[in-house]
């Protein structure tokens, strides 16, 4: 689930990068939609990007907490004869 959330967050952030690049490309045509790209990018980040990144982080934290950690065998806990 965390991997899918990461893929979704990456897709959203990629689209945001596209909108920011479109806003910088500008152009002198009065019918160009580039001036709207920045407000749309900010709105899209607040509505979709931030929640997606937060959900992704929470899922990775939960995944990390649920996986068992490797336990090392200390000298006191070894059985005699084991290498």
Protein backbone atom coordinates (compact mmCIF):
# COMPACT_ATOMS: atom_id res chain seq x y z
CA UNK A 1 0.00 0.00 0.00
CA UNK A 2 2.87 2.35 0.79
CA UNK A 3 4.38 1.74 -2.65
CA UNK A 4 1.09 2.63 -4.35
CA UNK A 5 0.82 5.78 -2.26
CA UNK A 6 4.37 6.69 -3.27
CA UNK A 7 3.51 6.19 -6.93
CA UNK A 8 0.42 8.37 -6.56
CA UNK A 9 2.37 11.09 -4.77
CA UNK A 10 5.06 10.97 -7.46
CA UNK A 11 2.43 11.33 -10.19
CA UNK A 12 0.83 14.30 -8.44
CA UNK A 13 4.17 16.00 -7.84
CA UNK A 14 5.12 15.39 -11.46
CA UNK A 15 1.93 17.06 -12.61
CA UNK A 16 2.65 19.98 -10.28
CA UNK A 17 6.12 20.31 -11.81
CA UNK A 18 4.49 20.35 -15.25
CA UNK A 19 2.12 23.14 -14.18
CA UNK A 20 4.97 25.22 -12.76
CA UNK A 21 6.98 24.78 -15.96
CA UNK A 22 3.91 25.77 -17.97
CA UNK A 23 3.56 28.87 -15.82
CA UNK A 24 7.16 29.86 -16.46
CA UNK A 25 6.87 29.28 -20.20
CA UNK A 26 4.43 32.15 -20.37
CA UNK A 27 4.06 33.62 -23.81
CA UNK A 28 2.81 36.93 -25.13
CA UNK A 29 -0.51 35.68 -26.47
CA UNK A 30 -3.51 37.14 -24.60
CA UNK A 31 -5.33 33.84 -24.99
CA UNK A 32 -2.52 31.85 -23.35
CA UNK A 33 -3.47 29.92 -20.21
CA UNK A 34 0.03 30.05 -18.70
CA UNK A 35 -0.85 32.78 -16.16
CA UNK A 36 -3.42 30.41 -14.67
CA UNK A 37 -0.89 27.62 -14.22
CA UNK A 38 0.57 28.99 -10.96
CA UNK A 39 -2.74 29.42 -9.12
CA UNK A 40 -3.90 26.02 -10.37
CA UNK A 41 -0.61 24.47 -9.23
CA UNK A 42 -0.94 25.97 -5.76
CA UNK A 43 -4.57 24.92 -5.48
CA UNK A 44 -3.78 21.42 -6.74
CA UNK A 45 -0.90 21.13 -4.26
CA UNK A 46 -3.10 22.11 -1.33
CA UNK A 47 -6.06 19.94 -2.36
CA UNK A 48 -4.29 16.84 -3.70
CA UNK A 49 -0.53 17.08 -3.27
CA UNK A 50 -0.24 17.74 0.44
CA UNK A 51 -2.75 15.06 1.49
CA UNK A 52 -1.10 12.54 -0.85
CA UNK A 53 2.35 13.23 0.57
CA UNK A 54 1.05 13.02 4.14
CA UNK A 55 -0.77 9.73 3.47
CA UNK A 56 2.36 8.38 1.82
CA UNK A 57 4.48 9.32 4.84
CA UNK A 58 2.00 7.80 7.30
CA UNK A 59 1.83 4.55 5.33
CA UNK A 60 5.63 4.26 5.19
CA UNK A 61 5.85 4.94 8.94
CA UNK A 62 3.22 2.28 9.62
CA UNK A 63 5.01 -0.15 7.31
CA UNK A 64 8.31 0.47 9.08
CA UNK A 65 6.67 0.01 12.48
CA UNK A 66 4.99 -3.24 11.47
CA UNK A 67 8.06 -4.98 10.04
CA UNK A 68 10.02 -7.08 12.48
CA UNK A 69 13.52 -5.95 13.26
CA UNK A 70 16.48 -8.29 13.07
CA UNK A 71 17.59 -9.32 16.51
CA UNK A 72 21.21 -9.99 17.07
CA UNK A 73 22.26 -12.85 19.28
CA UNK A 74 24.36 -11.66 22.18
CA UNK A 75 27.09 -13.70 23.79
CA UNK A 76 25.02 -14.37 26.92
CA UNK A 77 22.10 -15.79 24.94
CA UNK A 78 24.15 -18.24 22.85
CA UNK A 79 23.81 -21.90 23.48
CA UNK A 80 26.96 -23.85 24.17
CA UNK A 81 28.31 -25.50 21.08
CA UNK A 82 26.73 -23.07 18.62
CA UNK A 83 29.04 -21.13 16.36
